[in-house]
Amino acid sequence: MNSTTTALNALFNRIPRRHSPDNVKDINSILTEYEDLLITIEAVNSFYEKSTPPFFDDLESIRTTIKKSNDNKASKKNKDNFFDEASGMLKDSMQLLIEVYADGNKTT
């Protein structure tokens, strides 16, 4: 396992599941770190360059859902639901990226 895979697994394990102001901050910082790792993976070779665009698209959907979870007009239940949806999407995206990236040596 290389350092990128290790970093992805560490981020994956840090994803919070419950809505709170601190968890919103945490998940946003995790998203930033995840985006940085995606940029690193994208630069490895042409296989990863072609494989990463859907993961960048996921980031926008996740960010939008997190914003909804932080809307002052939303009820506590809706905030919890939106946050749970966003954290689930992030976990799914990261899990798939971990599978696609593997050890970083794919070329085809």
PDB file of N, CA and C in Angstrom:
ATOM      1  N   MET A   1       0.838  -1.168   0.000  1.00  0.00           N
ATOM      2  CA  MET A   1       0.000   0.000   0.000  1.00  0.00           C
ATOM      3  C   MET A   1       0.891   1.243   0.000  1.00  0.00           C
ATOM      4  N   ASN A   2       0.620   2.159  -0.939  1.00  0.00           N
ATOM      5  CA  ASN A   2       1.440   3.368  -1.007  1.00  0.00           C
ATOM      6  C   ASN A   2       0.824   4.494  -0.165  1.00  0.00           C
ATOM      7  N   SER A   3       1.506   5.625  -0.124  1.00  0.00           N
ATOM      8  CA  SER A   3       1.074   6.723   0.755  1.00  0.00           C
ATOM      9  C   SER A   3      -0.284   7.297   0.337  1.00  0.00           C
ATOM     10  N   THR A   4      -0.597   7.305  -0.949  1.00  0.00           N
ATOM     11  CA  THR A   4      -1.886   7.824  -1.403  1.00  0.00           C
ATOM     12  C   THR A   4      -3.017   6.906  -0.949  1.00  0.00           C
ATOM     13  N   THR A   5      -2.812   5.607  -1.083  1.00  0.00           N
ATOM     14  CA  THR A   5      -3.820   4.643  -0.632  1.00  0.00           C
ATOM     15  C   THR A   5      -4.011   4.747   0.880  1.00  0.00           C
ATOM     16  N   THR A   6      -2.920   4.895   1.592  1.00  0.00           N
ATOM     17  CA  THR A   6      -2.983   5.052   3.044  1.00  0.00           C
ATOM     18  C   THR A   6      -3.767   6.314   3.408  1.00  0.00           C
ATOM     19  N   ALA A   7      -3.501   7.405   2.705  1.00  0.00           N
ATOM     20  CA  ALA A   7      -4.202   8.669   2.957  1.00  0.00           C
ATOM     21  C   ALA A   7      -5.694   8.544   2.650  1.00  0.00           C
ATOM     22  N   LEU A   8      -6.031   7.858   1.557  1.00  0.00           N
ATOM     23  CA  LEU A   8      -7.441   7.656   1.216  1.00  0.00           C
ATOM     24  C   LEU A   8      -8.152   6.856   2.303  1.00  0.00           C
ATOM     25  N   ASN A   9      -7.518   5.798   2.762  1.00  0.00           N
ATOM     26  CA  ASN A   9      -8.126   4.978   3.810  1.00  0.00           C
ATOM     27  C   ASN A   9      -8.295   5.775   5.104  1.00  0.00           C
ATOM     28  N   ALA A  10      -7.314   6.594   5.436  1.00  0.00           N
ATOM     29  CA  ALA A  10      -7.400   7.418   6.647  1.00  0.00           C
ATOM     30  C   ALA A  10      -8.554   8.424   6.531  1.00  0.00           C
ATOM     31  N   LEU A  11      -8.691   9.050   5.363  1.00  0.00           N
ATOM     32  CA  LEU A  11      -9.805   9.983   5.150  1.00  0.00           C
ATOM     33  C   LEU A  11     -11.142   9.259   5.249  1.00  0.00           C
ATOM     34  N   PHE A  12     -11.211   8.103   4.621  1.00  0.00           N
ATOM     35  CA  PHE A  12     -12.438   7.304   4.632  1.00  0.00           C
ATOM     36  C   PHE A  12     -12.879   7.030   6.076  1.00  0.00           C
ATOM     37  N   ASN A  13     -11.925   6.685   6.903  1.00  0.00           N
ATOM     38  CA  ASN A  13     -12.228   6.351   8.301  1.00  0.00           C
ATOM     39  C   ASN A  13     -12.600   7.567   9.150  1.00  0.00           C
ATOM     40  N   ARG A  14     -12.309   8.765   8.653  1.00  0.00           N
ATOM     41  CA  ARG A  14     -12.626   9.999   9.387  1.00  0.00           C
ATOM     42  C   ARG A  14     -14.000  10.577   9.052  1.00  0.00           C
ATOM     43  N   ILE A  15     -14.680  10.046   8.058  1.00  0.00           N
ATOM     44  CA  ILE A  15     -15.951  10.630   7.620  1.00  0.00           C
ATOM     45  C   ILE A  15     -16.997  10.519   8.734  1.00  0.00           C
ATOM     46  N   PRO A  16     -17.517  11.665   9.182  1.00  0.00           N
ATOM     47  CA  PRO A  16     -18.540  11.637  10.232  1.00  0.00           C
ATOM     48  C   PRO A  16     -19.900  11.229   9.673  1.00  0.00           C
ATOM     49  N   ARG A  17     -20.746  10.664  10.527  1.00  0.00           N
ATOM     50  CA  ARG A  17     -22.071  10.222  10.093  1.00  0.00           C
ATOM     51  C   ARG A  17     -23.212  11.085  10.633  1.00  0.00           C
ATOM     52  N   ARG A  18     -22.994  11.808  11.699  1.00  0.00           N
ATOM     53  CA  ARG A  18     -24.048  12.601  12.322  1.00  0.00           C
ATOM     54  C   ARG A  18     -23.833  14.085  12.084  1.00  0.00           C
ATOM     55  N   HIS A  19     -24.934  14.793  11.902  1.00  0.00           N
ATOM     56  CA  HIS A  19     -24.864  16.229  11.663  1.00  0.00           C
ATOM     57  C   HIS A  19     -24.582  16.980  12.960  1.00  0.00           C
ATOM     58  N   SER A  20     -23.599  17.837  12.900  1.00  0.00           N
ATOM     59  CA  SER A  20     -23.316  18.808  13.961  1.00  0.00           C
ATOM     60  C   SER A  20     -22.454  19.885  13.316  1.00  0.00           C
ATOM     61  N   PRO A  21     -22.396  21.060  13.905  1.00  0.00           N
ATOM     62  CA  PRO A  21     -21.547  22.108  13.311  1.00  0.00           C
ATOM     63  C   PRO A  21     -20.087  21.668  13.164  1.00  0.00           C
ATOM     64  N   ASP A  22     -19.566  20.955  14.156  1.00  0.00           N
ATOM     65  CA  ASP A  22     -18.184  20.469  14.065  1.00  0.00           C
ATOM     66  C   ASP A  22     -18.027  19.444  12.950  1.00  0.00           C
ATOM     67  N   ASN A  23     -19.008  18.560  12.799  1.00  0.00           N
ATOM     68  CA  ASN A  23     -18.926  17.546  11.747  1.00  0.00           C
ATOM     69  C   ASN A  23     -19.037  18.152  10.354  1.00  0.00           C
ATOM     70  N   VAL A  24     -19.786  19.247  10.231  1.00  0.00           N
ATOM     71  CA  VAL A  24     -19.856  19.950   8.946  1.00  0.00           C
ATOM     72  C   VAL A  24     -18.470  20.500   8.594  1.00  0.00           C
ATOM     73  N   LYS A  25     -17.796  21.089   9.586  1.00  0.00           N
ATOM     74  CA  LYS A  25     -16.432  21.576   9.355  1.00  0.00           C
ATOM     75  C   LYS A  25     -15.504  20.423   8.995  1.00  0.00           C
ATOM     76  N   ASP A  26     -15.625  19.312   9.722  1.00  0.00           N
ATOM     77  CA  ASP A  26     -14.772  18.146   9.461  1.00  0.00           C
ATOM     78  C   ASP A  26     -14.974  17.594   8.058  1.00  0.00           C
ATOM     79  N   ILE A  27     -16.238  17.427   7.659  1.00  0.00           N
ATOM     80  CA  ILE A  27     -16.491  16.829   6.352  1.00  0.00           C
ATOM     81  C   ILE A  27     -16.031  17.764   5.230  1.00  0.00           C
ATOM     82  N   ASN A  28     -16.137  19.075   5.452  1.00  0.00           N
ATOM     83  CA  ASN A  28     -15.631  20.014   4.441  1.00  0.00           C
ATOM     84  C   ASN A  28     -14.113  19.941   4.328  1.00  0.00           C
ATOM     85  N   SER A  29     -13.417  19.785   5.443  1.00  0.00           N
ATOM     86  CA  SER A  29     -11.955  19.656   5.362  1.00  0.00           C
ATOM     87  C   SER A  29     -11.574  18.317   4.739  1.00  0.00           C
ATOM     88  N   ILE A  30     -12.348  17.270   5.004  1.00  0.00           N
ATOM     89  CA  ILE A  30     -12.101  15.966   4.377  1.00  0.00           C
ATOM     90  C   ILE A  30     -12.288  16.077   2.871  1.00  0.00           C
ATOM     91  N   LEU A  31     -13.319  16.796   2.442  1.00  0.00           N
ATOM     92  CA  LEU A  31     -13.550  16.994   1.006  1.00  0.00           C
ATOM     93  C   LEU A  31     -12.376  17.714   0.345  1.00  0.00           C
ATOM     94  N   THR A  32     -11.832  18.706   1.020  1.00  0.00           N
ATOM     95  CA  THR A  32     -10.678  19.427   0.481  1.00  0.00           C
ATOM     96  C   THR A  32      -9.477  18.487   0.338  1.00  0.00           C
ATOM     97  N   GLU A  33      -9.224  17.696   1.363  1.00  0.00           N
ATOM     98  CA  GLU A  33      -8.117  16.740   1.307  1.00  0.00           C
ATOM     99  C   GLU A  33      -8.360  15.683   0.231  1.00  0.00           C
ATOM    100  N   TYR A  34      -9.608  15.248   0.105  1.00  0.00           N
ATOM    101  CA  TYR A  34      -9.974  14.259  -0.914  1.00  0.00           C
ATOM    102  C   TYR A  34      -9.736  14.827  -2.308  1.00  0.00           C
ATOM    103  N   GLU A  35     -10.125  16.073  -2.515  1.00  0.00           N
ATOM    104  CA  GLU A  35      -9.905  16.707  -3.815  1.00  0.00           C
ATOM    105  C   GLU A  35      -8.408  16.802  -4.126  1.00  0.00           C
ATOM    106  N   ASP A  36      -7.606  17.126  -3.129  1.00  0.00           N
ATOM    107  CA  ASP A  36      -6.153  17.172  -3.326  1.00  0.00           C
ATOM    108  C   ASP A  36      -5.610  15.799  -3.718  1.00  0.00           C
ATOM    109  N   LEU A  37      -6.106  14.752  -3.076  1.00  0.00           N
ATOM    110  CA  LEU A  37      -5.669  13.390  -3.427  1.00  0.00           C
ATOM    111  C   LEU A  37      -6.116  13.012  -4.836  1.00  0.00           C
ATOM    112  N   LEU A  38      -7.324  13.441  -5.214  1.00  0.00           N
ATOM    113  CA  LEU A  38      -7.788  13.183  -6.580  1.00  0.00           C
ATOM    114  C   LEU A  38      -6.865  13.832  -7.610  1.00  0.00           C
ATOM    115  N   ILE A  39      -6.444  15.043  -7.337  1.00  0.00           N
ATOM    116  CA  ILE A  39      -5.534  15.749  -8.244  1.00  0.00           C
ATOM    117  C   ILE A  39      -4.210  14.994  -8.337  1.00  0.00           C
ATOM    118  N   THR A  40      -3.723  14.492  -7.213  1.00  0.00           N
ATOM    119  CA  THR A  40      -2.489  13.705  -7.195  1.00  0.00           C
ATOM    120  C   THR A  40      -2.651  12.431  -8.009  1.00  0.00           C
ATOM    121  N   ILE A  41      -3.771  11.731  -7.805  1.00  0.00           N
ATOM    122  CA  ILE A  41      -4.019  10.474  -8.524  1.00  0.00           C
ATOM    123  C   ILE A  41      -4.169  10.734 -10.012  1.00  0.00           C
ATOM    124  N   GLU A  42      -4.865  11.795 -10.363  1.00  0.00           N
ATOM    125  CA  GLU A  42      -5.083  12.147 -11.766  1.00  0.00           C
ATOM    126  C   GLU A  42      -3.752  12.332 -12.502  1.00  0.00           C
ATOM    127  N   ALA A  43      -2.725  12.799 -11.792  1.00  0.00           N
ATOM    128  CA  ALA A  43      -1.431  13.090 -12.411  1.00  0.00           C
ATOM    129  C   ALA A  43      -0.524  11.863 -12.536  1.00  0.00           C
ATOM    130  N   VAL A  44      -0.934  10.719 -11.985  1.00  0.00           N
ATOM    131  CA  VAL A  44      -0.063   9.528 -11.997  1.00  0.00           C
ATOM    132  C   VAL A  44       0.218   9.057 -13.413  1.00  0.00           C
ATOM    133  N   ASN A  45      -0.834   8.851 -14.193  1.00  0.00           N
ATOM    134  CA  ASN A  45      -0.664   8.432 -15.589  1.00  0.00           C
ATOM    135  C   ASN A  45      -1.984   8.638 -16.344  1.00  0.00           C
ATOM    136  N   SER A  46      -2.000   8.311 -17.630  1.00  0.00           N
ATOM    137  CA  SER A  46      -3.188   8.580 -18.441  1.00  0.00           C
ATOM    138  C   SER A  46      -4.385   7.728 -18.018  1.00  0.00           C
ATOM    139  N   PHE A  47      -4.149   6.521 -17.506  1.00  0.00           N
ATOM    140  CA  PHE A  47      -5.263   5.692 -17.032  1.00  0.00           C
ATOM    141  C   PHE A  47      -6.031   6.416 -15.931  1.00  0.00           C
ATOM    142  N   TYR A  48      -5.312   6.925 -14.954  1.00  0.00           N
ATOM    143  CA  TYR A  48      -5.969   7.619 -13.837  1.00  0.00           C
ATOM    144  C   TYR A  48      -6.530   8.961 -14.274  1.00  0.00           C
ATOM    145  N   GLU A  49      -5.867   9.610 -15.213  1.00  0.00           N
ATOM    146  CA  GLU A  49      -6.380  10.877 -15.730  1.00  0.00           C
ATOM    147  C   GLU A  49      -7.759  10.676 -16.352  1.00  0.00           C
ATOM    148  N   LYS A  50      -7.944   9.552 -17.040  1.00  0.00           N
ATOM    149  CA  LYS A  50      -9.233   9.246 -17.668  1.00  0.00           C
ATOM    150  C   LYS A  50     -10.245   8.717 -16.650  1.00  0.00           C
ATOM    151  N   SER A  51      -9.771   8.166 -15.549  1.00  0.00           N
ATOM    152  CA  SER A  51     -10.652   7.509 -14.576  1.00  0.00           C
ATOM    153  C   SER A  51     -11.178   8.438 -13.481  1.00  0.00           C
ATOM    154  N   THR A  52     -10.559   9.581 -13.280  1.00  0.00           N
ATOM    155  CA  THR A  52     -10.919  10.424 -12.139  1.00  0.00           C
ATOM    156  C   THR A  52     -12.049  11.443 -12.349  1.00  0.00           C
ATOM    157  N   PRO A  53     -12.399  11.866 -13.560  1.00  0.00           N
ATOM    158  CA  PRO A  53     -13.437  12.898 -13.693  1.00  0.00           C
ATOM    159  C   PRO A  53     -14.751  12.621 -12.948  1.00  0.00           C
ATOM    160  N   PRO A  54     -15.264  11.391 -12.942  1.00  0.00           N
ATOM    161  CA  PRO A  54     -16.519  11.178 -12.198  1.00  0.00           C
ATOM    162  C   PRO A  54     -16.385  11.469 -10.694  1.00  0.00           C
ATOM    163  N   PHE A  55     -15.202  11.277 -10.158  1.00  0.00           N
ATOM    164  CA  PHE A  55     -14.986  11.540  -8.737  1.00  0.00           C
ATOM    165  C   PHE A  55     -15.013  13.040  -8.443  1.00  0.00           C
ATOM    166  N   PHE A  56     -14.512  13.838  -9.381  1.00  0.00           N
ATOM    167  CA  PHE A  56     -14.599  15.294  -9.231  1.00  0.00           C
ATOM    168  C   PHE A  56     -16.059  15.746  -9.291  1.00  0.00           C
ATOM    169  N   ASP A  57     -16.845  15.096 -10.163  1.00  0.00           N
ATOM    170  CA  ASP A  57     -18.275  15.417 -10.244  1.00  0.00           C
ATOM    171  C   ASP A  57     -18.969  15.100  -8.920  1.00  0.00           C
ATOM    172  N   ASP A  58     -18.585  13.985  -8.297  1.00  0.00           N
ATOM    173  CA  ASP A  58     -19.162  13.607  -7.001  1.00  0.00           C
ATOM    174  C   ASP A  58     -18.945  14.703  -5.967  1.00  0.00           C
ATOM    175  N   LEU A  59     -17.780  15.337  -6.010  1.00  0.00           N
ATOM    176  CA  LEU A  59     -17.463  16.379  -5.022  1.00  0.00           C
ATOM    177  C   LEU A  59     -18.510  17.487  -5.025  1.00  0.00           C
ATOM    178  N   GLU A  60     -18.920  17.907  -6.206  1.00  0.00           N
ATOM    179  CA  GLU A  60     -19.901  18.999  -6.291  1.00  0.00           C
ATOM    180  C   GLU A  60     -21.243  18.592  -5.699  1.00  0.00           C
ATOM    181  N   SER A  61     -21.686  17.374  -5.998  1.00  0.00           N
ATOM    182  CA  SER A  61     -22.950  16.885  -5.438  1.00  0.00           C
ATOM    183  C   SER A  61     -22.873  16.800  -3.917  1.00  0.00           C
ATOM    184  N   ILE A  62     -21.767  16.317  -3.417  1.00  0.00           N
ATOM    185  CA  ILE A  62     -21.586  16.182  -1.969  1.00  0.00           C
ATOM    186  C   ILE A  62     -21.581  17.555  -1.310  1.00  0.00           C
ATOM    187  N   ARG A  63     -20.849  18.494  -1.897  1.00  0.00           N
ATOM    188  CA  ARG A  63     -20.798  19.849  -1.328  1.00  0.00           C
ATOM    189  C   ARG A  63     -22.180  20.502  -1.298  1.00  0.00           C
ATOM    190  N   THR A  64     -22.944  20.314  -2.362  1.00  0.00           N
ATOM    191  CA  THR A  64     -24.293  20.876  -2.424  1.00  0.00           C
ATOM    192  C   THR A  64     -25.172  20.287  -1.333  1.00  0.00           C
ATOM    193  N   THR A  65     -25.064  18.991  -1.117  1.00  0.00           N
ATOM    194  CA  THR A  65     -25.877  18.336  -0.092  1.00  0.00           C
ATOM    195  C   THR A  65     -25.454  18.771   1.305  1.00  0.00           C
ATOM    196  N   ILE A  66     -24.159  18.969   1.510  1.00  0.00           N
ATOM    197  CA  ILE A  66     -23.685  19.460   2.811  1.00  0.00           C
ATOM    198  C   ILE A  66     -24.230  20.866   3.069  1.00  0.00           C
ATOM    199  N   LYS A  67     -24.239  21.709   2.035  1.00  0.00           N
ATOM    200  CA  LYS A  67     -24.800  23.054   2.203  1.00  0.00           C
ATOM    201  C   LYS A  67     -26.260  22.979   2.625  1.00  0.00           C
ATOM    202  N   LYS A  68     -27.008  22.053   2.032  1.00  0.00           N
ATOM    203  CA  LYS A  68     -28.413  21.881   2.409  1.00  0.00           C
ATOM    204  C   LYS A  68     -28.527  21.472   3.873  1.00  0.00           C
ATOM    205  N   SER A  69     -27.565  20.658   4.339  1.00  0.00           N
ATOM    206  CA  SER A  69     -27.615  20.191   5.728  1.00  0.00           C
ATOM    207  C   SER A  69     -27.288  21.306   6.717  1.00  0.00           C
ATOM    208  N   ASN A  70     -26.779  22.397   6.213  1.00  0.00           N
ATOM    209  CA  ASN A  70     -26.389  23.503   7.080  1.00  0.00           C
ATOM    210  C   ASN A  70     -27.326  24.703   6.919  1.00  0.00           C
ATOM    211  N   ASP A  71     -28.416  24.503   6.181  1.00  0.00           N
ATOM    212  CA  ASP A  71     -29.388  25.571   5.952  1.00  0.00           C
ATOM    213  C   ASP A  71     -30.155  25.856   7.245  1.00  0.00           C
ATOM    214  N   ASN A  72     -30.146  27.113   7.653  1.00  0.00           N
ATOM    215  CA  ASN A  72     -30.830  27.500   8.895  1.00  0.00           C
ATOM    216  C   ASN A  72     -32.338  27.272   8.837  1.00  0.00           C
ATOM    217  N   LYS A  73     -32.910  27.247   7.652  1.00  0.00           N
ATOM    218  CA  LYS A  73     -34.351  27.067   7.506  1.00  0.00           C
ATOM    219  C   LYS A  73     -34.762  25.594   7.559  1.00  0.00           C
ATOM    220  N   ALA A  74     -33.796  24.693   7.423  1.00  0.00           N
ATOM    221  CA  ALA A  74     -34.108  23.257   7.429  1.00  0.00           C
ATOM    222  C   ALA A  74     -34.331  22.769   8.861  1.00  0.00           C
ATOM    223  N   SER A  75     -35.242  21.819   8.987  1.00  0.00           N
ATOM    224  CA  SER A  75     -35.487  21.231  10.310  1.00  0.00           C
ATOM    225  C   SER A  75     -34.299  20.355  10.703  1.00  0.00           C
ATOM    226  N   LYS A  76     -34.226  20.047  11.983  1.00  0.00           N
ATOM    227  CA  LYS A  76     -33.143  19.190  12.480  1.00  0.00           C
ATOM    228  C   LYS A  76     -33.153  17.850  11.744  1.00  0.00           C
ATOM    229  N   LYS A  77     -34.335  17.294  11.528  1.00  0.00           N
ATOM    230  CA  LYS A  77     -34.448  16.004  10.837  1.00  0.00           C
ATOM    231  C   LYS A  77     -33.930  16.111   9.398  1.00  0.00           C
ATOM    232  N   ASN A  78     -34.301  17.188   8.710  1.00  0.00           N
ATOM    233  CA  ASN A  78     -33.831  17.373   7.333  1.00  0.00           C
ATOM    234  C   ASN A  78     -32.321  17.585   7.299  1.00  0.00           C
ATOM    235  N   LYS A  79     -31.798  18.339   8.258  1.00  0.00           N
ATOM    236  CA  LYS A  79     -30.352  18.537   8.327  1.00  0.00           C
ATOM    237  C   LYS A  79     -29.645  17.201   8.513  1.00  0.00           C
ATOM    238  N   ASP A  80     -30.182  16.381   9.427  1.00  0.00           N
ATOM    239  CA  ASP A  80     -29.601  15.055   9.660  1.00  0.00           C
ATOM    240  C   ASP A  80     -29.659  14.199   8.400  1.00  0.00           C
ATOM    241  N   ASN A  81     -30.800  14.236   7.715  1.00  0.00           N
ATOM    242  CA  ASN A  81     -30.959  13.437   6.491  1.00  0.00           C
ATOM    243  C   ASN A  81     -29.999  13.889   5.393  1.00  0.00           C
ATOM    244  N   PHE A  82     -29.893  15.198   5.193  1.00  0.00           N
ATOM    245  CA  PHE A  82     -28.983  15.713   4.169  1.00  0.00           C
ATOM    246  C   PHE A  82     -27.527  15.348   4.503  1.00  0.00           C
ATOM    247  N   PHE A  83     -27.164  15.521   5.763  1.00  0.00           N
ATOM    248  CA  PHE A  83     -25.795  15.218   6.163  1.00  0.00           C
ATOM    249  C   PHE A  83     -25.502  13.730   5.991  1.00  0.00           C
ATOM    250  N   ASP A  84     -26.446  12.892   6.382  1.00  0.00           N
ATOM    251  CA  ASP A  84     -26.279  11.453   6.237  1.00  0.00           C
ATOM    252  C   ASP A  84     -26.131  11.082   4.755  1.00  0.00           C
ATOM    253  N   GLU A  85     -26.931  11.725   3.910  1.00  0.00           N
ATOM    254  CA  GLU A  85     -26.843  11.481   2.474  1.00  0.00           C
ATOM    255  C   GLU A  85     -25.466  11.894   1.939  1.00  0.00           C
ATOM    256  N   ALA A  86     -24.998  13.059   2.357  1.00  0.00           N
ATOM    257  CA  ALA A  86     -23.688  13.554   1.888  1.00  0.00           C
ATOM    258  C   ALA A  86     -22.555  12.651   2.359  1.00  0.00           C
ATOM    259  N   SER A  87     -22.585  12.256   3.618  1.00  0.00           N
ATOM    260  CA  SER A  87     -21.500  11.407   4.118  1.00  0.00           C
ATOM    261  C   SER A  87     -21.552  10.035   3.445  1.00  0.00           C
ATOM    262  N   GLY A  88     -22.742   9.533   3.162  1.00  0.00           N
ATOM    263  CA  GLY A  88     -22.868   8.261   2.442  1.00  0.00           C
ATOM    264  C   GLY A  88     -22.320   8.358   1.025  1.00  0.00           C
ATOM    265  N   MET A  89     -22.633   9.472   0.342  1.00  0.00           N
ATOM    266  CA  MET A  89     -22.110   9.673  -1.015  1.00  0.00           C
ATOM    267  C   MET A  89     -20.586   9.757  -0.991  1.00  0.00           C
ATOM    268  N   LEU A  90     -20.041  10.450   0.009  1.00  0.00           N
ATOM    269  CA  LEU A  90     -18.591  10.581   0.113  1.00  0.00           C
ATOM    270  C   LEU A  90     -17.947   9.219   0.372  1.00  0.00           C
ATOM    271  N   LYS A  91     -18.533   8.438   1.258  1.00  0.00           N
ATOM    272  CA  LYS A  91     -17.994   7.101   1.540  1.00  0.00           C
ATOM    273  C   LYS A  91     -18.028   6.241   0.281  1.00  0.00           C
ATOM    274  N   ASP A  92     -19.154   6.272  -0.441  1.00  0.00           N
ATOM    275  CA  ASP A  92     -19.274   5.479  -1.671  1.00  0.00           C
ATOM    276  C   ASP A  92     -18.233   5.911  -2.701  1.00  0.00           C
ATOM    277  N   SER A  93     -18.067   7.214  -2.864  1.00  0.00           N
ATOM    278  CA  SER A  93     -17.104   7.740  -3.824  1.00  0.00           C
ATOM    279  C   SER A  93     -15.686   7.322  -3.454  1.00  0.00           C
ATOM    280  N   MET A  94     -15.335   7.475  -2.188  1.00  0.00           N
ATOM    281  CA  MET A  94     -13.981   7.107  -1.748  1.00  0.00           C
ATOM    282  C   MET A  94     -13.734   5.611  -1.876  1.00  0.00           C
ATOM    283  N   GLN A  95     -14.737   4.814  -1.515  1.00  0.00           N
ATOM    284  CA  GLN A  95     -14.579   3.361  -1.613  1.00  0.00           C
ATOM    285  C   GLN A  95     -14.308   2.961  -3.060  1.00  0.00           C
ATOM    286  N   LEU A  96     -15.053   3.539  -3.980  1.00  0.00           N
ATOM    287  CA  LEU A  96     -14.851   3.240  -5.395  1.00  0.00           C
ATOM    288  C   LEU A  96     -13.473   3.709  -5.863  1.00  0.00           C
ATOM    289  N   LEU A  97     -13.060   4.888  -5.427  1.00  0.00           N
ATOM    290  CA  LEU A  97     -11.738   5.388  -5.807  1.00  0.00           C
ATOM    291  C   LEU A  97     -10.637   4.474  -5.264  1.00  0.00           C
ATOM    292  N   ILE A  98     -10.792   4.002  -4.053  1.00  0.00           N
ATOM    293  CA  ILE A  98      -9.797   3.086  -3.470  1.00  0.00           C
ATOM    294  C   ILE A  98      -9.691   1.836  -4.341  1.00  0.00           C
ATOM    295  N   GLU A  99     -10.830   1.342  -4.832  1.00  0.00           N
ATOM    296  CA  GLU A  99     -10.820   0.165  -5.704  1.00  0.00           C
ATOM    297  C   GLU A  99     -10.189   0.481  -7.061  1.00  0.00           C
ATOM    298  N   VAL A 100     -10.541   1.627  -7.635  1.00  0.00           N
ATOM    299  CA  VAL A 100      -9.995   2.010  -8.948  1.00  0.00           C
ATOM    300  C   VAL A 100      -8.496   2.278  -8.844  1.00  0.00           C
ATOM    301  N   TYR A 101      -8.100   2.989  -7.808  1.00  0.00           N
ATOM    302  CA  TYR A 101      -6.688   3.357  -7.653  1.00  0.00           C
ATOM    303  C   TYR A 101      -5.819   2.170  -7.273  1.00  0.00           C
ATOM    304  N   ALA A 102      -6.333   1.333  -6.373  1.00  0.00           N
ATOM    305  CA  ALA A 102      -5.601   0.155  -5.874  1.00  0.00           C
ATOM    306  C   ALA A 102      -4.231   0.581  -5.349  1.00  0.00           C
ATOM    307  N   ASP A 103      -3.170   0.119  -6.007  1.00  0.00           N
ATOM    308  CA  ASP A 103      -1.818   0.455  -5.542  1.00  0.00           C
ATOM    309  C   ASP A 103      -1.166   1.545  -6.383  1.00  0.00           C
ATOM    310  N   GLY A 104      -1.920   2.120  -7.317  1.00  0.00           N
ATOM    311  CA  GLY A 104      -1.399   3.213  -8.129  1.00  0.00           C
ATOM    312  C   GLY A 104      -0.574   2.786  -9.309  1.00  0.00           C
ATOM    313  N   ASN A 105      -0.639   1.490  -9.642  1.00  0.00           N
ATOM    314  CA  ASN A 105       0.188   0.981 -10.739  1.00  0.00           C
ATOM    315  C   ASN A 105      -0.596   0.563 -11.968  1.00  0.00           C
ATOM    316  N   LYS A 106      -1.877   0.866 -12.028  1.00  0.00           N
ATOM    317  CA  LYS A 106      -2.672   0.501 -13.207  1.00  0.00           C
ATOM    318  C   LYS A 106      -2.287   1.389 -14.385  1.00  0.00           C
ATOM    319  N   THR A 107      -2.286   0.780 -15.560  1.00  0.00           N
ATOM    320  CA  THR A 107      -1.979   1.562 -16.754  1.00  0.00           C
ATOM    321  C   THR A 107      -3.001   1.333 -17.864  1.00  0.00           C
ATOM    322  N   THR A 108      -3.861   0.351 -17.726  1.00  0.00           N
ATOM    323  CA  THR A 108      -4.889   0.109 -18.744  1.00  0.00           C
ATOM    324  C   THR A 108      -6.213  -0.221 -18.124  1.00  0.00           C
TER     325      THR A 108
END
